[in-house]
Amino acid sequence: VCGVLNSYGRDVGRGLEAYCVAFGPDRIVMSGSVSRFLSLFLEAITSQFARTRGFEQKVTVVQGTLEEFGGAIGATVLAGL
């Protein structure tokens, strides 16, 4: 299981690197159902950032507080309900 989570974290880290190049955020908030398990693969994400020049310790990845309800709440806000 640990190997799977490390692999997943590295893959997420690669995707977030592309996001960072495009938008340059200081912080990334992981939300949705996966946020409950962020502590299990956060180290793999940050180690992926450390491997890519220019991303060392510049982006903070944090857990969202809405967990799996974040998407539903965001959709409701956008719909103006």
PDB file of N, CA and C in Angstrom:
ATOM      1  N   VAL A   1       0.824  -1.195   0.000  1.00  0.00           N
ATOM      2  CA  VAL A   1       0.000   0.000   0.000  1.00  0.00           C
ATOM      3  C   VAL A   1       0.867   1.258   0.000  1.00  0.00           C
ATOM      4  N   CYS A   2       1.943   1.232   0.768  1.00  0.00           N
ATOM      5  CA  CYS A   2       2.808   2.407   0.866  1.00  0.00           C
ATOM      6  C   CYS A   2       3.414   2.763  -0.494  1.00  0.00           C
ATOM      7  N   GLY A   3       3.809   1.751  -1.260  1.00  0.00           N
ATOM      8  CA  GLY A   3       4.367   1.994  -2.585  1.00  0.00           C
ATOM      9  C   GLY A   3       3.350   2.613  -3.524  1.00  0.00           C
ATOM     10  N   VAL A   4       2.116   2.179  -3.421  1.00  0.00           N
ATOM     11  CA  VAL A   4       1.046   2.727  -4.256  1.00  0.00           C
ATOM     12  C   VAL A   4       0.816   4.197  -3.915  1.00  0.00           C
ATOM     13  N   LEU A   5       0.793   4.528  -2.618  1.00  0.00           N
ATOM     14  CA  LEU A   5       0.576   5.910  -2.201  1.00  0.00           C
ATOM     15  C   LEU A   5       1.743   6.804  -2.599  1.00  0.00           C
ATOM     16  N   ASN A   6       2.962   6.284  -2.532  1.00  0.00           N
ATOM     17  CA  ASN A   6       4.116   7.069  -2.980  1.00  0.00           C
ATOM     18  C   ASN A   6       4.052   7.338  -4.472  1.00  0.00           C
ATOM     19  N   SER A   7       3.684   6.318  -5.229  1.00  0.00           N
ATOM     20  CA  SER A   7       3.551   6.489  -6.677  1.00  0.00           C
ATOM     21  C   SER A   7       2.447   7.499  -6.996  1.00  0.00           C
ATOM     22  N   TYR A   8       1.328   7.388  -6.304  1.00  0.00           N
ATOM     23  CA  TYR A   8       0.220   8.321  -6.491  1.00  0.00           C
ATOM     24  C   TYR A   8       0.655   9.743  -6.147  1.00  0.00           C
ATOM     25  N   GLY A   9       1.345   9.908  -5.039  1.00  0.00           N
ATOM     26  CA  GLY A   9       1.822  11.224  -4.623  1.00  0.00           C
ATOM     27  C   GLY A   9       2.772  11.844  -5.632  1.00  0.00           C
ATOM     28  N   ARG A  10       3.669  11.042  -6.201  1.00  0.00           N
ATOM     29  CA  ARG A  10       4.578  11.560  -7.230  1.00  0.00           C
ATOM     30  C   ARG A  10       3.807  11.991  -8.472  1.00  0.00           C
ATOM     31  N   ASP A  11       2.817  11.195  -8.864  1.00  0.00           N
ATOM     32  CA  ASP A  11       2.000  11.551 -10.029  1.00  0.00           C
ATOM     33  C   ASP A  11       1.212  12.839  -9.783  1.00  0.00           C
ATOM     34  N   VAL A  12       0.637  12.959  -8.602  1.00  0.00           N
ATOM     35  CA  VAL A  12      -0.087  14.192  -8.247  1.00  0.00           C
ATOM     36  C   VAL A  12       0.893  15.359  -8.244  1.00  0.00           C
ATOM     37  N   GLY A  13       2.077  15.146  -7.709  1.00  0.00           N
ATOM     38  CA  GLY A  13       3.098  16.189  -7.688  1.00  0.00           C
ATOM     39  C   GLY A  13       3.475  16.657  -9.091  1.00  0.00           C
ATOM     40  N   ARG A  14       3.588  15.732 -10.022  1.00  0.00           N
ATOM     41  CA  ARG A  14       3.897  16.110 -11.416  1.00  0.00           C
ATOM     42  C   ARG A  14       2.777  16.966 -12.002  1.00  0.00           C
ATOM     43  N   GLY A  15       1.543  16.575 -11.741  1.00  0.00           N
ATOM     44  CA  GLY A  15       0.411  17.358 -12.236  1.00  0.00           C
ATOM     45  C   GLY A  15       0.364  18.739 -11.601  1.00  0.00           C
ATOM     46  N   LEU A  16       0.638  18.808 -10.308  1.00  0.00           N
ATOM     47  CA  LEU A  16       0.636  20.094  -9.623  1.00  0.00           C
ATOM     48  C   LEU A  16       1.774  20.993 -10.091  1.00  0.00           C
ATOM     49  N   GLU A  17       2.875  20.393 -10.487  1.00  0.00           N
ATOM     50  CA  GLU A  17       3.973  21.195 -11.053  1.00  0.00           C
ATOM     51  C   GLU A  17       3.511  21.937 -12.297  1.00  0.00           C
ATOM     52  N   ALA A  18       2.777  21.254 -13.164  1.00  0.00           N
ATOM     53  CA  ALA A  18       2.258  21.901 -14.376  1.00  0.00           C
ATOM     54  C   ALA A  18       1.307  23.034 -14.003  1.00  0.00           C
ATOM     55  N   TYR A  19       0.474  22.797 -13.006  1.00  0.00           N
ATOM     56  CA  TYR A  19      -0.440  23.827 -12.515  1.00  0.00           C
ATOM     57  C   TYR A  19       0.355  25.034 -12.001  1.00  0.00           C
ATOM     58  N   CYS A  20       1.416  24.768 -11.273  1.00  0.00           N
ATOM     59  CA  CYS A  20       2.244  25.848 -10.714  1.00  0.00           C
ATOM     60  C   CYS A  20       2.920  26.668 -11.802  1.00  0.00           C
ATOM     61  N   VAL A  21       3.365  26.016 -12.852  1.00  0.00           N
ATOM     62  CA  VAL A  21       3.974  26.744 -13.965  1.00  0.00           C
ATOM     63  C   VAL A  21       2.960  27.682 -14.602  1.00  0.00           C
ATOM     64  N   ALA A  22       1.733  27.207 -14.757  1.00  0.00           N
ATOM     65  CA  ALA A  22       0.700  28.003 -15.412  1.00  0.00           C
ATOM     66  C   ALA A  22       0.170  29.139 -14.543  1.00  0.00           C
ATOM     67  N   PHE A  23       0.024  28.893 -13.235  1.00  0.00           N
ATOM     68  CA  PHE A  23      -0.672  29.865 -12.390  1.00  0.00           C
ATOM     69  C   PHE A  23       0.166  30.457 -11.263  1.00  0.00           C
ATOM     70  N   GLY A  24       1.272  29.827 -10.886  1.00  0.00           N
ATOM     71  CA  GLY A  24       2.160  30.356  -9.871  1.00  0.00           C
ATOM     72  C   GLY A  24       1.577  30.563  -8.483  1.00  0.00           C
ATOM     73  N   PRO A  25       0.821  29.604  -7.949  1.00  0.00           N
ATOM     74  CA  PRO A  25       0.234  29.803  -6.621  1.00  0.00           C
ATOM     75  C   PRO A  25       1.285  29.692  -5.512  1.00  0.00           C
ATOM     76  N   ASP A  26       0.977  30.260  -4.361  1.00  0.00           N
ATOM     77  CA  ASP A  26       1.816  30.095  -3.176  1.00  0.00           C
ATOM     78  C   ASP A  26       1.351  28.896  -2.362  1.00  0.00           C
ATOM     79  N   ARG A  27       0.067  28.555  -2.510  1.00  0.00           N
ATOM     80  CA  ARG A  27      -0.532  27.475  -1.727  1.00  0.00           C
ATOM     81  C   ARG A  27      -1.513  26.711  -2.604  1.00  0.00           C
ATOM     82  N   ILE A  28      -1.532  25.397  -2.417  1.00  0.00           N
ATOM     83  CA  ILE A  28      -2.482  24.532  -3.096  1.00  0.00           C
ATOM     84  C   ILE A  28      -3.306  23.834  -2.029  1.00  0.00           C
ATOM     85  N   VAL A  29      -4.624  23.917  -2.151  1.00  0.00           N
ATOM     86  CA  VAL A  29      -5.523  23.281  -1.187  1.00  0.00           C
ATOM     87  C   VAL A  29      -6.088  22.020  -1.828  1.00  0.00           C
ATOM     88  N   MET A  30      -5.779  20.892  -1.237  1.00  0.00           N
ATOM     89  CA  MET A  30      -6.312  19.614  -1.706  1.00  0.00           C
ATOM     90  C   MET A  30      -7.650  19.407  -1.017  1.00  0.00           C
ATOM     91  N   SER A  31      -8.686  19.184  -1.807  1.00  0.00           N
ATOM     92  CA  SER A  31     -10.016  19.022  -1.250  1.00  0.00           C
ATOM     93  C   SER A  31     -10.647  17.772  -1.824  1.00  0.00           C
ATOM     94  N   GLY A  32     -11.876  17.542  -1.492  1.00  0.00           N
ATOM     95  CA  GLY A  32     -12.559  16.354  -1.961  1.00  0.00           C
ATOM     96  C   GLY A  32     -12.226  15.158  -1.087  1.00  0.00           C
ATOM     97  N   SER A  33     -12.683  14.000  -1.484  1.00  0.00           N
ATOM     98  CA  SER A  33     -12.513  12.811  -0.654  1.00  0.00           C
ATOM     99  C   SER A  33     -11.047  12.433  -0.475  1.00  0.00           C
ATOM    100  N   VAL A  34     -10.200  12.779  -1.437  1.00  0.00           N
ATOM    101  CA  VAL A  34      -8.783  12.438  -1.330  1.00  0.00           C
ATOM    102  C   VAL A  34      -8.081  13.226  -0.221  1.00  0.00           C
ATOM    103  N   SER A  35      -8.644  14.348   0.179  1.00  0.00           N
ATOM    104  CA  SER A  35      -7.987  15.181   1.185  1.00  0.00           C
ATOM    105  C   SER A  35      -7.876  14.470   2.534  1.00  0.00           C
ATOM    106  N   ARG A  36      -8.751  13.527   2.800  1.00  0.00           N
ATOM    107  CA  ARG A  36      -8.662  12.771   4.062  1.00  0.00           C
ATOM    108  C   ARG A  36      -7.369  11.987   4.169  1.00  0.00           C
ATOM    109  N   PHE A  37      -6.794  11.634   3.029  1.00  0.00           N
ATOM    110  CA  PHE A  37      -5.604  10.795   3.011  1.00  0.00           C
ATOM    111  C   PHE A  37      -4.342  11.558   2.624  1.00  0.00           C
ATOM    112  N   LEU A  38      -4.419  12.878   2.580  1.00  0.00           N
ATOM    113  CA  LEU A  38      -3.278  13.686   2.146  1.00  0.00           C
ATOM    114  C   LEU A  38      -2.020  13.390   2.950  1.00  0.00           C
ATOM    115  N   SER A  39      -2.156  13.178   4.229  1.00  0.00           N
ATOM    116  CA  SER A  39      -0.976  12.925   5.061  1.00  0.00           C
ATOM    117  C   SER A  39      -0.229  11.667   4.630  1.00  0.00           C
ATOM    118  N   LEU A  40      -0.912  10.757   3.945  1.00  0.00           N
ATOM    119  CA  LEU A  40      -0.285   9.510   3.523  1.00  0.00           C
ATOM    120  C   LEU A  40       0.566   9.662   2.261  1.00  0.00           C
ATOM    121  N   PHE A  41       0.334  10.722   1.473  1.00  0.00           N
ATOM    122  CA  PHE A  41       1.119  10.889   0.254  1.00  0.00           C
ATOM    123  C   PHE A  41       1.672  12.303   0.073  1.00  0.00           C
ATOM    124  N   LEU A  42       1.524  13.147   1.089  1.00  0.00           N
ATOM    125  CA  LEU A  42       2.042  14.516   0.995  1.00  0.00           C
ATOM    126  C   LEU A  42       3.555  14.544   0.847  1.00  0.00           C
ATOM    127  N   GLU A  43       4.242  13.678   1.541  1.00  0.00           N
ATOM    128  CA  GLU A  43       5.703  13.641   1.432  1.00  0.00           C
ATOM    129  C   GLU A  43       6.148  13.327   0.006  1.00  0.00           C
ATOM    130  N   ALA A  44       5.434  12.445  -0.674  1.00  0.00           N
ATOM    131  CA  ALA A  44       5.767  12.120  -2.070  1.00  0.00           C
ATOM    132  C   ALA A  44       5.521  13.317  -2.983  1.00  0.00           C
ATOM    133  N   ILE A  45       4.471  14.095  -2.701  1.00  0.00           N
ATOM    134  CA  ILE A  45       4.209  15.305  -3.490  1.00  0.00           C
ATOM    135  C   ILE A  45       5.335  16.304  -3.302  1.00  0.00           C
ATOM    136  N   THR A  46       5.697  16.570  -2.056  1.00  0.00           N
ATOM    137  CA  THR A  46       6.735  17.575  -1.801  1.00  0.00           C
ATOM    138  C   THR A  46       8.098  17.105  -2.283  1.00  0.00           C
ATOM    139  N   SER A  47       8.364  15.808  -2.229  1.00  0.00           N
ATOM    140  CA  SER A  47       9.639  15.328  -2.760  1.00  0.00           C
ATOM    141  C   SER A  47       9.680  15.466  -4.275  1.00  0.00           C
ATOM    142  N   GLN A  48       8.535  15.338  -4.939  1.00  0.00           N
ATOM    143  CA  GLN A  48       8.481  15.568  -6.388  1.00  0.00           C
ATOM    144  C   GLN A  48       8.781  17.029  -6.702  1.00  0.00           C
ATOM    145  N   PHE A  49       8.237  17.946  -5.904  1.00  0.00           N
ATOM    146  CA  PHE A  49       8.543  19.363  -6.089  1.00  0.00           C
ATOM    147  C   PHE A  49      10.034  19.622  -5.901  1.00  0.00           C
ATOM    148  N   ALA A  50      10.645  18.957  -4.944  1.00  0.00           N
ATOM    149  CA  ALA A  50      12.069  19.165  -4.666  1.00  0.00           C
ATOM    150  C   ALA A  50      12.948  18.672  -5.813  1.00  0.00           C
ATOM    151  N   ARG A  51      12.454  17.756  -6.607  1.00  0.00           N
ATOM    152  CA  ARG A  51      13.227  17.220  -7.734  1.00  0.00           C
ATOM    153  C   ARG A  51      13.212  18.143  -8.944  1.00  0.00           C
ATOM    154  N   THR A  52      12.290  19.049  -8.972  1.00  0.00           N
ATOM    155  CA  THR A  52      12.145  19.932 -10.116  1.00  0.00           C
ATOM    156  C   THR A  52      12.690  21.311  -9.760  1.00  0.00           C
ATOM    157  N   ARG A  53      13.682  21.724 -10.477  1.00  0.00           N
ATOM    158  CA  ARG A  53      14.324  23.004 -10.219  1.00  0.00           C
ATOM    159  C   ARG A  53      13.309  24.144 -10.307  1.00  0.00           C
ATOM    160  N   GLY A  54      13.335  25.006  -9.305  1.00  0.00           N
ATOM    161  CA  GLY A  54      12.437  26.152  -9.275  1.00  0.00           C
ATOM    162  C   GLY A  54      11.221  25.967  -8.382  1.00  0.00           C
ATOM    163  N   PHE A  55      10.992  24.732  -7.895  1.00  0.00           N
ATOM    164  CA  PHE A  55       9.826  24.481  -7.050  1.00  0.00           C
ATOM    165  C   PHE A  55      10.203  24.134  -5.617  1.00  0.00           C
ATOM    166  N   GLU A  56      11.469  24.254  -5.283  1.00  0.00           N
ATOM    167  CA  GLU A  56      11.893  23.887  -3.942  1.00  0.00           C
ATOM    168  C   GLU A  56      11.263  24.795  -2.900  1.00  0.00           C
ATOM    169  N   GLN A  57      10.388  24.226  -2.077  1.00  0.00           N
ATOM    170  CA  GLN A  57       9.780  24.884  -0.918  1.00  0.00           C
ATOM    171  C   GLN A  57       9.076  26.195  -1.243  1.00  0.00           C
ATOM    172  N   LYS A  58       8.621  26.363  -2.458  1.00  0.00           N
ATOM    173  CA  LYS A  58       7.906  27.591  -2.821  1.00  0.00           C
ATOM    174  C   LYS A  58       6.396  27.425  -2.748  1.00  0.00           C
ATOM    175  N   VAL A  59       5.922  26.214  -2.864  1.00  0.00           N
ATOM    176  CA  VAL A  59       4.489  25.951  -2.885  1.00  0.00           C
ATOM    177  C   VAL A  59       4.127  25.096  -1.674  1.00  0.00           C
ATOM    178  N   THR A  60       3.131  25.541  -0.935  1.00  0.00           N
ATOM    179  CA  THR A  60       2.648  24.788   0.217  1.00  0.00           C
ATOM    180  C   THR A  60       1.391  24.036  -0.190  1.00  0.00           C
ATOM    181  N   VAL A  61       1.352  22.755   0.122  1.00  0.00           N
ATOM    182  CA  VAL A  61       0.171  21.931  -0.155  1.00  0.00           C
ATOM    183  C   VAL A  61      -0.499  21.651   1.186  1.00  0.00           C
ATOM    184  N   VAL A  62      -1.786  22.021   1.288  1.00  0.00           N
ATOM    185  CA  VAL A  62      -2.519  21.852   2.545  1.00  0.00           C
ATOM    186  C   VAL A  62      -3.825  21.108   2.300  1.00  0.00           C
ATOM    187  N   GLN A  63      -4.384  20.591   3.366  1.00  0.00           N
ATOM    188  CA  GLN A  63      -5.653  19.869   3.308  1.00  0.00           C
ATOM    189  C   GLN A  63      -6.808  20.846   3.438  1.00  0.00           C
ATOM    190  N   GLY A  64      -7.791  20.719   2.562  1.00  0.00           N
ATOM    191  CA  GLY A  64      -8.993  21.532   2.656  1.00  0.00           C
ATOM    192  C   GLY A  64      -9.832  21.108   3.850  1.00  0.00           C
ATOM    193  N   THR A  65     -10.604  22.007   4.376  1.00  0.00           N
ATOM    194  CA  THR A  65     -11.398  21.699   5.568  1.00  0.00           C
ATOM    195  C   THR A  65     -12.788  21.166   5.234  1.00  0.00           C
ATOM    196  N   LEU A  66     -13.208  21.257   3.989  1.00  0.00           N
ATOM    197  CA  LEU A  66     -14.553  20.803   3.619  1.00  0.00           C
ATOM    198  C   LEU A  66     -14.606  19.335   3.222  1.00  0.00           C
ATOM    199  N   GLU A  67     -13.453  18.693   3.121  1.00  0.00           N
ATOM    200  CA  GLU A  67     -13.330  17.295   2.737  1.00  0.00           C
ATOM    201  C   GLU A  67     -14.136  16.986   1.486  1.00  0.00           C
ATOM    202  N   GLU A  68     -14.939  15.922   1.491  1.00  0.00           N
ATOM    203  CA  GLU A  68     -15.644  15.525   0.269  1.00  0.00           C
ATOM    204  C   GLU A  68     -16.808  16.435  -0.089  1.00  0.00           C
ATOM    205  N   PHE A  69     -17.127  17.380   0.778  1.00  0.00           N
ATOM    206  CA  PHE A  69     -18.234  18.291   0.498  1.00  0.00           C
ATOM    207  C   PHE A  69     -17.810  19.534  -0.279  1.00  0.00           C
ATOM    208  N   GLY A  70     -16.520  19.717  -0.481  1.00  0.00           N
ATOM    209  CA  GLY A  70     -16.009  20.906  -1.152  1.00  0.00           C
ATOM    210  C   GLY A  70     -16.578  21.104  -2.548  1.00  0.00           C
ATOM    211  N   GLY A  71     -16.636  20.043  -3.332  1.00  0.00           N
ATOM    212  CA  GLY A  71     -17.167  20.151  -4.686  1.00  0.00           C
ATOM    213  C   GLY A  71     -18.634  20.527  -4.710  1.00  0.00           C
ATOM    214  N   ALA A  72     -19.417  19.910  -3.850  1.00  0.00           N
ATOM    215  CA  ALA A  72     -20.852  20.198  -3.794  1.00  0.00           C
ATOM    216  C   ALA A  72     -21.109  21.630  -3.323  1.00  0.00           C
ATOM    217  N   ILE A  73     -20.361  22.072  -2.338  1.00  0.00           N
ATOM    218  CA  ILE A  73     -20.534  23.438  -1.830  1.00  0.00           C
ATOM    219  C   ILE A  73     -20.103  24.447  -2.892  1.00  0.00           C
ATOM    220  N   GLY A  74     -18.982  24.182  -3.564  1.00  0.00           N
ATOM    221  CA  GLY A  74     -18.533  25.078  -4.626  1.00  0.00           C
ATOM    222  C   GLY A  74     -19.525  25.164  -5.771  1.00  0.00           C
ATOM    223  N   ALA A  75     -20.096  24.039  -6.166  1.00  0.00           N
ATOM    224  CA  ALA A  75     -21.095  24.030  -7.235  1.00  0.00           C
ATOM    225  C   ALA A  75     -22.336  24.810  -6.827  1.00  0.00           C
ATOM    226  N   THR A  76     -22.731  24.686  -5.582  1.00  0.00           N
ATOM    227  CA  THR A  76     -23.888  25.416  -5.085  1.00  0.00           C
ATOM    228  C   THR A  76     -23.639  26.915  -5.113  1.00  0.00           C
ATOM    229  N   VAL A  77     -22.448  27.313  -4.696  1.00  0.00           N
ATOM    230  CA  VAL A  77     -22.096  28.749  -4.696  1.00  0.00           C
ATOM    231  C   VAL A  77     -22.092  29.279  -6.129  1.00  0.00           C
ATOM    232  N   LEU A  78     -21.501  28.521  -7.063  1.00  0.00           N
ATOM    233  CA  LEU A  78     -21.457  28.970  -8.460  1.00  0.00           C
ATOM    234  C   LEU A  78     -22.851  29.049  -9.073  1.00  0.00           C
ATOM    235  N   ALA A  79     -23.730  28.162  -8.664  1.00  0.00           N
ATOM    236  CA  ALA A  79     -25.088  28.167  -9.206  1.00  0.00           C
ATOM    237  C   ALA A  79     -25.945  29.271  -8.591  1.00  0.00           C
ATOM    238  N   GLY A  80     -25.449  29.868  -7.514  1.00  0.00           N
ATOM    239  CA  GLY A  80     -26.170  30.949  -6.875  1.00  0.00           C
ATOM    240  C   GLY A  80     -27.368  30.499  -6.054  1.00  0.00           C
ATOM    241  N   LEU A  81     -27.288  29.280  -5.561  1.00  0.00           N
ATOM    242  CA  LEU A  81     -28.428  28.745  -4.788  1.00  0.00           C
ATOM    243  C   LEU A  81     -28.342  29.136  -3.339  1.00  0.00           C
TER     244      LEU A  81
END
